Amino acid sequence: MESVCHACTEEELTKQFPKGWHELPDEVYKELLYTPAKFKVLEHHIKVYAGDCDKGGILRAKAPNRAA
């Protein structure tokens, strides 16, 4: 299994949460990647953040769309 981490930049976080931020537990999903004659499982970890002052909501890092 291979892990892939998706995180926001410091600039994105500061723009969304000017008064500070902290990480919430990662949003995690697994994706089965097929290459002819072999499979590979990718485990995606999408970083999730929230503001320290209850403003700005929740921010999830950008990640590729999930295959249907």
C-alpha atoms as a PDB file:
ATOM      1  CA  MET A   1       0.000   0.000   0.000  1.00  0.00           C
ATOM      2  CA  GLU A   2       1.192   3.487  -0.820  1.00  0.00           C
ATOM      3  CA  SER A   3       0.053   6.579   1.125  1.00  0.00           C
ATOM      4  CA  VAL A   4      -0.659   9.864  -0.659  1.00  0.00           C
ATOM      5  CA  CYS A   5      -0.926  13.031   1.446  1.00  0.00           C
ATOM      6  CA  HIS A   6      -2.975  16.051   0.320  1.00  0.00           C
ATOM      7  CA  ALA A   7      -2.328  19.203   2.396  1.00  0.00           C
ATOM      8  CA  CYS A   8      -3.046  22.942   2.185  1.00  0.00           C
ATOM      9  CA  THR A   9      -0.266  25.490   1.888  1.00  0.00           C
ATOM     10  CA  GLU A  10       0.556  27.833   4.761  1.00  0.00           C
ATOM     11  CA  GLU A  11      -0.731  30.677   2.548  1.00  0.00           C
ATOM     12  CA  GLU A  12      -4.130  28.993   2.014  1.00  0.00           C
ATOM     13  CA  LEU A  13      -4.489  28.339   5.744  1.00  0.00           C
ATOM     14  CA  THR A  14      -3.546  31.888   6.765  1.00  0.00           C
ATOM     15  CA  LYS A  15      -6.006  33.329   4.224  1.00  0.00           C
ATOM     16  CA  GLN A  16      -8.867  31.109   5.472  1.00  0.00           C
ATOM     17  CA  PHE A  17      -8.017  31.334   9.195  1.00  0.00           C
ATOM     18  CA  PRO A  18      -6.228  34.650   9.908  1.00  0.00           C
ATOM     19  CA  LYS A  19      -6.493  34.139  13.692  1.00  0.00           C
ATOM     20  CA  GLY A  20      -4.931  30.678  13.676  1.00  0.00           C
ATOM     21  CA  TRP A  21      -5.853  27.105  12.797  1.00  0.00           C
ATOM     22  CA  HIS A  22      -5.412  23.537  13.922  1.00  0.00           C
ATOM     23  CA  GLU A  23      -5.610  20.156  12.196  1.00  0.00           C
ATOM     24  CA  LEU A  24      -8.571  17.831  12.580  1.00  0.00           C
ATOM     25  CA  PRO A  25      -8.261  14.090  11.914  1.00  0.00           C
ATOM     26  CA  ASP A  26      -7.454  13.334   8.251  1.00  0.00           C
ATOM     27  CA  GLU A  27     -10.219  12.294   5.905  1.00  0.00           C
ATOM     28  CA  VAL A  28      -8.980   8.932   4.570  1.00  0.00           C
ATOM     29  CA  TYR A  29     -10.113   6.797   1.648  1.00  0.00           C
ATOM     30  CA  LYS A  30      -8.552   3.941  -0.282  1.00  0.00           C
ATOM     31  CA  GLU A  31      -8.423   3.676  -4.041  1.00  0.00           C
ATOM     32  CA  LEU A  32      -7.598   0.582  -6.057  1.00  0.00           C
ATOM     33  CA  LEU A  33      -5.266   1.413  -8.931  1.00  0.00           C
ATOM     34  CA  TYR A  34      -5.015  -1.156 -11.730  1.00  0.00           C
ATOM     35  CA  THR A  35      -1.982  -1.413 -13.961  1.00  0.00           C
ATOM     36  CA  PRO A  36      -2.064  -4.290 -16.442  1.00  0.00           C
ATOM     37  CA  ALA A  37      -0.909  -7.449 -14.637  1.00  0.00           C
ATOM     38  CA  LYS A  38      -0.887  -5.815 -11.190  1.00  0.00           C
ATOM     39  CA  PHE A  39      -2.919  -3.778  -8.707  1.00  0.00           C
ATOM     40  CA  LYS A  40      -1.785  -1.124  -6.247  1.00  0.00           C
ATOM     41  CA  VAL A  41      -3.826   0.284  -3.360  1.00  0.00           C
ATOM     42  CA  LEU A  42      -3.433   4.007  -2.775  1.00  0.00           C
ATOM     43  CA  GLU A  43      -4.508   5.301   0.634  1.00  0.00           C
ATOM     44  CA  HIS A  44      -5.306   9.016   0.415  1.00  0.00           C
ATOM     45  CA  HIS A  45      -4.980  11.250   3.489  1.00  0.00           C
ATOM     46  CA  ILE A  46      -6.746  14.574   2.977  1.00  0.00           C
ATOM     47  CA  LYS A  47      -5.722  17.107   5.609  1.00  0.00           C
ATOM     48  CA  VAL A  48      -8.681  18.801   7.326  1.00  0.00           C
ATOM     49  CA  TYR A  49      -8.292  22.104   9.203  1.00  0.00           C
ATOM     50  CA  ALA A  50     -10.472  24.304  11.435  1.00  0.00           C
ATOM     51  CA  GLY A  51     -10.047  27.840  12.740  1.00  0.00           C
ATOM     52  CA  ASP A  52      -9.041  28.424  16.352  1.00  0.00           C
ATOM     53  CA  CYS A  53     -11.672  31.172  16.798  1.00  0.00           C
ATOM     54  CA  ASP A  54     -14.771  29.350  15.452  1.00  0.00           C
ATOM     55  CA  LYS A  55     -14.773  31.443  12.247  1.00  0.00           C
ATOM     56  CA  GLY A  56     -13.821  30.408   8.768  1.00  0.00           C
ATOM     57  CA  GLY A  57     -15.446  26.980   8.922  1.00  0.00           C
ATOM     58  CA  ILE A  58     -13.550  23.875   7.944  1.00  0.00           C
ATOM     59  CA  LEU A  59     -10.999  23.639   5.120  1.00  0.00           C
ATOM     60  CA  ARG A  60     -10.136  20.387   3.345  1.00  0.00           C
ATOM     61  CA  ALA A  61      -7.020  20.124   1.199  1.00  0.00           C
ATOM     62  CA  LYS A  62      -7.534  19.652  -2.520  1.00  0.00           C
ATOM     63  CA  ALA A  63      -7.456  16.063  -3.711  1.00  0.00           C
ATOM     64  CA  PRO A  64      -8.255  14.376  -7.017  1.00  0.00           C
ATOM     65  CA  ASN A  65     -11.853  13.398  -7.713  1.00  0.00           C
ATOM     66  CA  ARG A  66     -12.627   9.852  -6.640  1.00  0.00           C
ATOM     67  CA  ALA A  67     -13.197   7.305  -9.379  1.00  0.00           C
ATOM     68  CA  ALA A  68     -16.762   6.083  -9.504  1.00  0.00           C
END
